[in-house]
Amino acid sequence: MISAYLFVLVLIVIILGMAIKILNEYERGVIFRLGRVLPKPKGPGLILLIPIIDKMVRVSLRTVVHDVPPQDVITRDNVSIKVNAVVYFRVIEPMRAIIDVENFLYATSQLSQTTLRSVLGQAELDELLSHREKINERLQEILDKHTEPWGIKVSNVEVKNVDLPQEMQRAIARQAEAERERRAKVISAEGEFQAAAKLHEASDILSQNPMALQLRYLTTLVEISAEKTSTIIFPLPMDLIQAFMPKPSEK
């Protein structure tokens, strides 16, 4: 008799375990009743199911961070590279994510890999390195468009690493060095040009005032005398020595 009561008790516990489900705030339950889906997903909170008749599939509404494995890509300018990326997406319609696609996580992963190869194969290497934000936006738009029928929203796509061949890395390093040298020469030339312009302006000002020229000359002599040199050679203005020169004989 006791064993019969124990059997009934265990059976009741099993039935209650099958009938009562608790869903977290970020979860929804898609319920199938005899194979047919109910109109609306359930949750969050306490969910009551009919044992054996009802079957519930849990769906998380949190953002999924999917790491796309490295893909071999040949760019439009025939450069072979390895690229990986990260995709951020989440389920916004649980029923479509369960009914319209067999495994939405696997499907989104495969779609991300093929889209990454396709988009980067249409871009040149310089565009991939210098306009990565533009490529990220294009990847996000394409993925979001294709996953929308599955009830999935792709919020962001980021290209993480671009692995270049060794010879391409050396070529880029040489190009960067040449660019730095060009900029240094341009900056030096601009400095010479500005200095020449300032000297031209200073000469115009000094030519208009002879006394200013004499003061500048004396200042230069003071600066030279401060240097520790044994011999100093400097020119004298003709105005200073003209009084000591013999006058030409008058005819």
C-alpha atoms as a PDB file:
ATOM      1  CA  MET A   1       0.000   0.000   0.000  1.00  0.00           C
ATOM      2  CA  ILE A   2       2.817   2.378   0.893  1.00  0.00           C
ATOM      3  CA  SER A   3       4.570   1.598  -2.360  1.00  0.00           C
ATOM      4  CA  ALA A   4       1.405   2.508  -4.270  1.00  0.00           C
ATOM      5  CA  TYR A   5       1.200   5.882  -2.510  1.00  0.00           C
ATOM      6  CA  LEU A   6       4.886   6.462  -3.186  1.00  0.00           C
ATOM      7  CA  PHE A   7       4.392   5.625  -6.846  1.00  0.00           C
ATOM      8  CA  VAL A   8       1.495   8.074  -7.127  1.00  0.00           C
ATOM      9  CA  LEU A   9       3.507  10.778  -5.369  1.00  0.00           C
ATOM     10  CA  VAL A  10       6.451  10.321  -7.692  1.00  0.00           C
ATOM     11  CA  LEU A  11       4.116  10.392 -10.676  1.00  0.00           C
ATOM     12  CA  ILE A  12       2.555  13.658  -9.477  1.00  0.00           C
ATOM     13  CA  VAL A  13       5.994  15.241  -9.018  1.00  0.00           C
ATOM     14  CA  ILE A  14       7.005  14.202 -12.534  1.00  0.00           C
ATOM     15  CA  ILE A  15       3.795  15.588 -14.013  1.00  0.00           C
ATOM     16  CA  LEU A  16       4.195  18.880 -12.149  1.00  0.00           C
ATOM     17  CA  GLY A  17       7.802  19.075 -13.340  1.00  0.00           C
ATOM     18  CA  MET A  18       6.624  18.665 -16.900  1.00  0.00           C
ATOM     19  CA  ALA A  19       3.752  21.126 -16.493  1.00  0.00           C
ATOM     20  CA  ILE A  20       5.451  23.981 -14.637  1.00  0.00           C
ATOM     21  CA  LYS A  21       8.197  25.970 -16.317  1.00  0.00           C
ATOM     22  CA  ILE A  22       9.869  29.207 -15.213  1.00  0.00           C
ATOM     23  CA  LEU A  23      11.291  31.591 -17.778  1.00  0.00           C
ATOM     24  CA  ASN A  24      13.770  34.342 -16.976  1.00  0.00           C
ATOM     25  CA  GLU A  25      13.230  37.976 -17.964  1.00  0.00           C
ATOM     26  CA  TYR A  26      15.360  37.591 -21.103  1.00  0.00           C
ATOM     27  CA  GLU A  27      13.691  34.334 -22.218  1.00  0.00           C
ATOM     28  CA  ARG A  28      10.563  33.514 -24.170  1.00  0.00           C
ATOM     29  CA  GLY A  29       8.905  30.157 -24.700  1.00  0.00           C
ATOM     30  CA  VAL A  30       7.551  29.027 -28.065  1.00  0.00           C
ATOM     31  CA  ILE A  31       4.921  26.383 -27.272  1.00  0.00           C
ATOM     32  CA  PHE A  32       3.852  23.615 -29.641  1.00  0.00           C
ATOM     33  CA  ARG A  33       0.566  21.884 -28.833  1.00  0.00           C
ATOM     34  CA  LEU A  34       0.209  18.592 -30.664  1.00  0.00           C
ATOM     35  CA  GLY A  35       2.641  19.905 -33.269  1.00  0.00           C
ATOM     36  CA  ARG A  36       0.906  23.231 -33.819  1.00  0.00           C
ATOM     37  CA  VAL A  37       2.465  26.417 -32.496  1.00  0.00           C
ATOM     38  CA  LEU A  38       0.443  28.630 -30.188  1.00  0.00           C
ATOM     39  CA  PRO A  39      -0.264  32.183 -31.452  1.00  0.00           C
ATOM     40  CA  LYS A  40       2.047  33.999 -29.034  1.00  0.00           C
ATOM     41  CA  PRO A  41       5.241  33.071 -27.202  1.00  0.00           C
ATOM     42  CA  LYS A  42       4.985  32.814 -23.436  1.00  0.00           C
ATOM     43  CA  GLY A  43       7.025  34.406 -20.700  1.00  0.00           C
ATOM     44  CA  PRO A  44       8.701  35.610 -18.695  1.00  0.00           C
ATOM     45  CA  GLY A  45       7.657  34.101 -15.378  1.00  0.00           C
ATOM     46  CA  LEU A  46       5.655  30.994 -14.525  1.00  0.00           C
ATOM     47  CA  ILE A  47       4.371  28.929 -17.470  1.00  0.00           C
ATOM     48  CA  LEU A  48       1.859  26.083 -17.199  1.00  0.00           C
ATOM     49  CA  LEU A  49       1.993  23.351 -19.826  1.00  0.00           C
ATOM     50  CA  ILE A  50      -0.170  20.372 -20.549  1.00  0.00           C
ATOM     51  CA  PRO A  51       2.077  17.335 -19.978  1.00  0.00           C
ATOM     52  CA  ILE A  52       2.827  15.186 -23.043  1.00  0.00           C
ATOM     53  CA  ILE A  53       0.627  17.433 -25.224  1.00  0.00           C
ATOM     54  CA  ASP A  54       2.654  20.667 -24.991  1.00  0.00           C
ATOM     55  CA  LYS A  55       6.303  21.112 -25.913  1.00  0.00           C
ATOM     56  CA  MET A  56       8.164  24.357 -25.183  1.00  0.00           C
ATOM     57  CA  VAL A  57      11.304  25.711 -26.853  1.00  0.00           C
ATOM     58  CA  ARG A  58      13.261  28.332 -24.924  1.00  0.00           C
ATOM     59  CA  VAL A  59      14.555  31.326 -26.871  1.00  0.00           C
ATOM     60  CA  SER A  60      16.976  33.880 -25.429  1.00  0.00           C
ATOM     61  CA  LEU A  61      16.441  37.532 -26.366  1.00  0.00           C
ATOM     62  CA  ARG A  62      19.907  38.644 -25.268  1.00  0.00           C
ATOM     63  CA  THR A  63      22.489  39.883 -27.751  1.00  0.00           C
ATOM     64  CA  VAL A  64      24.681  37.090 -29.066  1.00  0.00           C
ATOM     65  CA  VAL A  65      28.353  37.851 -29.738  1.00  0.00           C
ATOM     66  CA  HIS A  66      29.464  35.525 -32.525  1.00  0.00           C
ATOM     67  CA  ASP A  67      33.142  35.284 -33.442  1.00  0.00           C
ATOM     68  CA  VAL A  68      33.513  34.569 -37.162  1.00  0.00           C
ATOM     69  CA  PRO A  69      36.558  32.306 -37.693  1.00  0.00           C
ATOM     70  CA  PRO A  70      39.382  33.496 -40.000  1.00  0.00           C
ATOM     71  CA  GLN A  71      38.406  33.397 -43.658  1.00  0.00           C
ATOM     72  CA  ASP A  72      40.718  33.183 -46.675  1.00  0.00           C
ATOM     73  CA  VAL A  73      39.860  36.130 -48.913  1.00  0.00           C
ATOM     74  CA  ILE A  74      41.290  37.317 -52.236  1.00  0.00           C
ATOM     75  CA  THR A  75      40.698  41.048 -52.620  1.00  0.00           C
ATOM     76  CA  ARG A  76      39.793  42.772 -55.866  1.00  0.00           C
ATOM     77  CA  ASP A  77      43.456  43.674 -56.444  1.00  0.00           C
ATOM     78  CA  ASN A  78      44.457  39.975 -56.082  1.00  0.00           C
ATOM     79  CA  VAL A  79      45.919  40.068 -52.569  1.00  0.00           C
ATOM     80  CA  SER A  80      45.428  36.931 -50.477  1.00  0.00           C
ATOM     81  CA  ILE A  81      44.573  37.744 -46.845  1.00  0.00           C
ATOM     82  CA  LYS A  82      43.025  36.151 -43.758  1.00  0.00           C
ATOM     83  CA  VAL A  83      40.228  38.094 -42.084  1.00  0.00           C
ATOM     84  CA  ASN A  84      38.064  37.413 -39.048  1.00  0.00           C
ATOM     85  CA  ALA A  85      35.191  39.403 -37.630  1.00  0.00           C
ATOM     86  CA  VAL A  86      32.675  39.563 -34.800  1.00  0.00           C
ATOM     87  CA  VAL A  87      28.894  39.794 -35.292  1.00  0.00           C
ATOM     88  CA  TYR A  88      26.396  41.132 -32.726  1.00  0.00           C
ATOM     89  CA  PHE A  89      22.810  39.959 -33.176  1.00  0.00           C
ATOM     90  CA  ARG A  90      19.720  39.076 -31.164  1.00  0.00           C
ATOM     91  CA  VAL A  91      16.334  37.457 -31.620  1.00  0.00           C
ATOM     92  CA  ILE A  92      13.463  39.925 -31.840  1.00  0.00           C
ATOM     93  CA  GLU A  93      10.743  37.509 -33.013  1.00  0.00           C
ATOM     94  CA  PRO A  94      11.065  34.151 -31.203  1.00  0.00           C
ATOM     95  CA  MET A  95       8.403  32.360 -33.238  1.00  0.00           C
ATOM     96  CA  ARG A  96      10.024  33.127 -36.598  1.00  0.00           C
ATOM     97  CA  ALA A  97      13.462  32.218 -35.240  1.00  0.00           C
ATOM     98  CA  ILE A  98      12.167  28.750 -34.335  1.00  0.00           C
ATOM     99  CA  ILE A  99       9.726  28.070 -37.180  1.00  0.00           C
ATOM    100  CA  ASP A 100      11.343  29.687 -40.230  1.00  0.00           C
ATOM    101  CA  VAL A 101      14.875  28.336 -39.770  1.00  0.00           C
ATOM    102  CA  GLU A 102      16.094  25.048 -38.363  1.00  0.00           C
ATOM    103  CA  ASN A 103      18.952  26.436 -36.255  1.00  0.00           C
ATOM    104  CA  PHE A 104      19.181  30.219 -36.280  1.00  0.00           C
ATOM    105  CA  LEU A 105      22.574  30.292 -34.521  1.00  0.00           C
ATOM    106  CA  TYR A 106      24.205  27.987 -37.057  1.00  0.00           C
ATOM    107  CA  ALA A 107      22.449  29.693 -39.968  1.00  0.00           C
ATOM    108  CA  THR A 108      23.606  33.139 -38.863  1.00  0.00           C
ATOM    109  CA  SER A 109      27.157  31.854 -38.410  1.00  0.00           C
ATOM    110  CA  GLN A 110      27.318  30.385 -41.909  1.00  0.00           C
ATOM    111  CA  LEU A 111      25.749  33.465 -43.447  1.00  0.00           C
ATOM    112  CA  SER A 112      28.315  35.666 -41.673  1.00  0.00           C
ATOM    113  CA  GLN A 113      31.216  33.689 -43.123  1.00  0.00           C
ATOM    114  CA  THR A 114      29.943  33.720 -46.699  1.00  0.00           C
ATOM    115  CA  THR A 115      29.012  37.408 -46.536  1.00  0.00           C
ATOM    116  CA  LEU A 116      32.438  38.305 -45.143  1.00  0.00           C
ATOM    117  CA  ARG A 117      34.209  36.556 -48.020  1.00  0.00           C
ATOM    118  CA  SER A 118      31.875  38.046 -50.605  1.00  0.00           C
ATOM    119  CA  VAL A 119      32.079  41.675 -49.445  1.00  0.00           C
ATOM    120  CA  LEU A 120      35.826  41.723 -48.812  1.00  0.00           C
ATOM    121  CA  GLY A 121      36.450  40.024 -52.141  1.00  0.00           C
ATOM    122  CA  GLN A 122      34.894  43.047 -53.860  1.00  0.00           C
ATOM    123  CA  ALA A 123      37.116  45.564 -52.015  1.00  0.00           C
ATOM    124  CA  GLU A 124      40.728  46.519 -52.588  1.00  0.00           C
ATOM    125  CA  LEU A 125      43.353  46.149 -49.882  1.00  0.00           C
ATOM    126  CA  ASP A 126      43.777  49.907 -49.391  1.00  0.00           C
ATOM    127  CA  GLU A 127      40.024  50.300 -48.961  1.00  0.00           C
ATOM    128  CA  LEU A 128      39.943  47.468 -46.420  1.00  0.00           C
ATOM    129  CA  LEU A 129      42.738  49.020 -44.361  1.00  0.00           C
ATOM    130  CA  SER A 130      41.674  52.665 -44.524  1.00  0.00           C
ATOM    131  CA  HIS A 131      37.850  52.494 -44.778  1.00  0.00           C
ATOM    132  CA  ARG A 132      37.019  49.702 -42.346  1.00  0.00           C
ATOM    133  CA  GLU A 133      34.007  51.525 -40.892  1.00  0.00           C
ATOM    134  CA  LYS A 134      32.392  51.686 -44.320  1.00  0.00           C
ATOM    135  CA  ILE A 135      32.942  47.957 -44.853  1.00  0.00           C
ATOM    136  CA  ASN A 136      31.536  47.179 -41.388  1.00  0.00           C
ATOM    137  CA  GLU A 137      28.367  49.110 -42.205  1.00  0.00           C
ATOM    138  CA  ARG A 138      27.983  47.278 -45.515  1.00  0.00           C
ATOM    139  CA  LEU A 139      28.400  43.886 -43.822  1.00  0.00           C
ATOM    140  CA  GLN A 140      25.827  44.828 -41.172  1.00  0.00           C
ATOM    141  CA  GLU A 141      23.282  45.940 -43.789  1.00  0.00           C
ATOM    142  CA  ILE A 142      23.637  42.738 -45.834  1.00  0.00           C
ATOM    143  CA  LEU A 143      23.444  40.408 -42.836  1.00  0.00           C
ATOM    144  CA  ASP A 144      20.495  42.264 -41.318  1.00  0.00           C
ATOM    145  CA  LYS A 145      18.631  42.087 -44.618  1.00  0.00           C
ATOM    146  CA  HIS A 146      19.111  38.321 -44.919  1.00  0.00           C
ATOM    147  CA  THR A 147      18.356  37.485 -41.268  1.00  0.00           C
ATOM    148  CA  GLU A 148      15.231  39.651 -41.009  1.00  0.00           C
ATOM    149  CA  PRO A 149      12.948  36.824 -42.282  1.00  0.00           C
ATOM    150  CA  TRP A 150      14.257  34.701 -39.406  1.00  0.00           C
ATOM    151  CA  GLY A 151      13.267  37.280 -36.785  1.00  0.00           C
ATOM    152  CA  ILE A 152      16.903  38.185 -36.076  1.00  0.00           C
ATOM    153  CA  LYS A 153      18.336  41.704 -35.847  1.00  0.00           C
ATOM    154  CA  VAL A 154      22.047  42.174 -36.640  1.00  0.00           C
ATOM    155  CA  SER A 155      23.068  45.294 -34.727  1.00  0.00           C
ATOM    156  CA  ASN A 156      26.773  45.492 -35.525  1.00  0.00           C
ATOM    157  CA  VAL A 157      29.602  43.812 -37.438  1.00  0.00           C
ATOM    158  CA  GLU A 158      33.283  44.516 -36.780  1.00  0.00           C
ATOM    159  CA  VAL A 159      36.232  43.312 -38.852  1.00  0.00           C
ATOM    160  CA  LYS A 160      38.824  42.388 -36.226  1.00  0.00           C
ATOM    161  CA  ASN A 161      42.120  41.277 -37.752  1.00  0.00           C
ATOM    162  CA  VAL A 162      43.530  41.436 -41.270  1.00  0.00           C
ATOM    163  CA  ASP A 163      46.543  39.122 -41.684  1.00  0.00           C
ATOM    164  CA  LEU A 164      48.731  40.113 -44.639  1.00  0.00           C
ATOM    165  CA  PRO A 165      51.463  38.047 -46.337  1.00  0.00           C
ATOM    166  CA  GLN A 166      55.038  38.866 -45.323  1.00  0.00           C
ATOM    167  CA  GLU A 167      55.942  40.373 -48.691  1.00  0.00           C
ATOM    168  CA  MET A 168      52.887  42.628 -48.568  1.00  0.00           C
ATOM    169  CA  GLN A 169      53.789  43.773 -45.039  1.00  0.00           C
ATOM    170  CA  ARG A 170      57.291  44.703 -46.237  1.00  0.00           C
ATOM    171  CA  ALA A 171      55.850  46.583 -49.228  1.00  0.00           C
ATOM    172  CA  ILE A 172      53.487  48.547 -46.980  1.00  0.00           C
ATOM    173  CA  ALA A 173      56.365  49.355 -44.606  1.00  0.00           C
ATOM    174  CA  ARG A 174      58.452  50.693 -47.508  1.00  0.00           C
ATOM    175  CA  GLN A 175      55.510  52.740 -48.735  1.00  0.00           C
ATOM    176  CA  ALA A 176      54.962  54.215 -45.271  1.00  0.00           C
ATOM    177  CA  GLU A 177      58.661  55.101 -44.969  1.00  0.00           C
ATOM    178  CA  ALA A 178      58.631  56.809 -48.373  1.00  0.00           C
ATOM    179  CA  GLU A 179      55.519  58.748 -47.354  1.00  0.00           C
ATOM    180  CA  ARG A 180      57.211  59.940 -44.153  1.00  0.00           C
ATOM    181  CA  GLU A 181      60.268  61.081 -46.112  1.00  0.00           C
ATOM    182  CA  ARG A 182      58.060  62.951 -48.564  1.00  0.00           C
ATOM    183  CA  ARG A 183      56.251  64.741 -45.745  1.00  0.00           C
ATOM    184  CA  ALA A 184      59.575  65.660 -44.092  1.00  0.00           C
ATOM    185  CA  LYS A 185      60.856  67.180 -47.346  1.00  0.00           C
ATOM    186  CA  VAL A 186      57.626  69.099 -47.870  1.00  0.00           C
ATOM    187  CA  ILE A 187      57.729  70.466 -44.326  1.00  0.00           C
ATOM    188  CA  SER A 188      61.411  71.464 -44.754  1.00  0.00           C
ATOM    189  CA  ALA A 189      60.654  73.196 -48.054  1.00  0.00           C
ATOM    190  CA  GLU A 190      57.730  75.064 -46.507  1.00  0.00           C
ATOM    191  CA  GLY A 191      59.983  76.183 -43.655  1.00  0.00           C
ATOM    192  CA  GLU A 192      62.617  77.477 -46.085  1.00  0.00           C
ATOM    193  CA  PHE A 193      59.947  79.310 -48.031  1.00  0.00           C
ATOM    194  CA  GLN A 194      58.539  80.981 -44.928  1.00  0.00           C
ATOM    195  CA  ALA A 195      62.030  81.907 -43.714  1.00  0.00           C
ATOM    196  CA  ALA A 196      62.871  83.456 -47.083  1.00  0.00           C
ATOM    197  CA  ALA A 197      59.625  85.433 -47.030  1.00  0.00           C
ATOM    198  CA  LYS A 198      60.365  86.762 -43.538  1.00  0.00           C
ATOM    199  CA  LEU A 199      63.927  87.722 -44.561  1.00  0.00           C
ATOM    200  CA  HIS A 200      62.536  89.532 -47.581  1.00  0.00           C
ATOM    201  CA  GLU A 201      60.160  91.493 -45.348  1.00  0.00           C
ATOM    202  CA  ALA A 202      62.976  92.278 -42.888  1.00  0.00           C
ATOM    203  CA  SER A 203      65.266  93.515 -45.672  1.00  0.00           C
ATOM    204  CA  ASP A 204      62.515  95.816 -46.935  1.00  0.00           C
ATOM    205  CA  ILE A 205      62.057  97.285 -43.444  1.00  0.00           C
ATOM    206  CA  LEU A 206      65.790  97.741 -42.842  1.00  0.00           C
ATOM    207  CA  SER A 207      66.333  99.332 -46.246  1.00  0.00           C
ATOM    208  CA  GLN A 208      63.827 102.043 -45.343  1.00  0.00           C
ATOM    209  CA  ASN A 209      65.702 103.017 -42.148  1.00  0.00           C
ATOM    210  CA  PRO A 210      69.550 103.080 -42.310  1.00  0.00           C
ATOM    211  CA  MET A 211      69.834 103.563 -38.546  1.00  0.00           C
ATOM    212  CA  ALA A 212      67.974 100.335 -37.938  1.00  0.00           C
ATOM    213  CA  LEU A 213      70.479  98.597 -40.202  1.00  0.00           C
ATOM    214  CA  GLN A 214      73.379 100.034 -38.181  1.00  0.00           C
ATOM    215  CA  LEU A 215      71.801  98.886 -34.902  1.00  0.00           C
ATOM    216  CA  ARG A 216      71.329  95.418 -36.325  1.00  0.00           C
ATOM    217  CA  TYR A 217      74.961  95.419 -37.392  1.00  0.00           C
ATOM    218  CA  LEU A 218      76.151  96.368 -33.915  1.00  0.00           C
ATOM    219  CA  THR A 219      73.943  93.693 -32.330  1.00  0.00           C
ATOM    220  CA  THR A 220      75.502  91.100 -34.617  1.00  0.00           C
ATOM    221  CA  LEU A 221      78.990  92.224 -33.553  1.00  0.00           C
ATOM    222  CA  VAL A 222      78.066  91.809 -29.886  1.00  0.00           C
ATOM    223  CA  GLU A 223      76.768  88.296 -30.542  1.00  0.00           C
ATOM    224  CA  ILE A 224      79.947  87.356 -32.428  1.00  0.00           C
ATOM    225  CA  SER A 225      82.190  88.711 -29.658  1.00  0.00           C
ATOM    226  CA  ALA A 226      80.456  86.447 -27.141  1.00  0.00           C
ATOM    227  CA  GLU A 227      81.604  83.373 -29.071  1.00  0.00           C
ATOM    228  CA  LYS A 228      84.950  81.783 -28.088  1.00  0.00           C
ATOM    229  CA  THR A 229      86.724  82.213 -31.400  1.00  0.00           C
ATOM    230  CA  SER A 230      90.290  83.264 -32.072  1.00  0.00           C
ATOM    231  CA  THR A 231      89.726  85.045 -35.361  1.00  0.00           C
ATOM    232  CA  ILE A 232      86.747  87.128 -36.386  1.00  0.00           C
ATOM    233  CA  ILE A 233      86.347  88.486 -39.862  1.00  0.00           C
ATOM    234  CA  PHE A 234      83.537  90.923 -40.465  1.00  0.00           C
ATOM    235  CA  PRO A 235      82.866  93.558 -43.105  1.00  0.00           C
ATOM    236  CA  LEU A 236      82.841  97.278 -42.352  1.00  0.00           C
ATOM    237  CA  PRO A 237      80.270  99.580 -43.862  1.00  0.00           C
ATOM    238  CA  MET A 238      81.728 101.954 -46.383  1.00  0.00           C
ATOM    239  CA  ASP A 239      80.174 104.879 -44.561  1.00  0.00           C
ATOM    240  CA  LEU A 240      82.487 104.306 -41.583  1.00  0.00           C
ATOM    241  CA  ILE A 241      85.784 104.109 -43.480  1.00  0.00           C
ATOM    242  CA  GLN A 242      85.032 106.595 -46.232  1.00  0.00           C
ATOM    243  CA  ALA A 243      86.346 109.493 -44.097  1.00  0.00           C
ATOM    244  CA  PHE A 244      89.777 107.831 -43.844  1.00  0.00           C
ATOM    245  CA  MET A 245      90.178 107.158 -47.524  1.00  0.00           C
ATOM    246  CA  PRO A 246      92.202 109.685 -49.635  1.00  0.00           C
ATOM    247  CA  LYS A 247      90.100 111.902 -51.815  1.00  0.00           C
ATOM    248  CA  PRO A 248      90.684 111.707 -55.562  1.00  0.00           C
ATOM    249  CA  SER A 249      92.762 114.597 -56.956  1.00  0.00           C
ATOM    250  CA  GLU A 250      90.775 117.281 -58.652  1.00  0.00           C
ATOM    251  CA  LYS A 251      91.634 118.020 -62.257  1.00  0.00           C
END
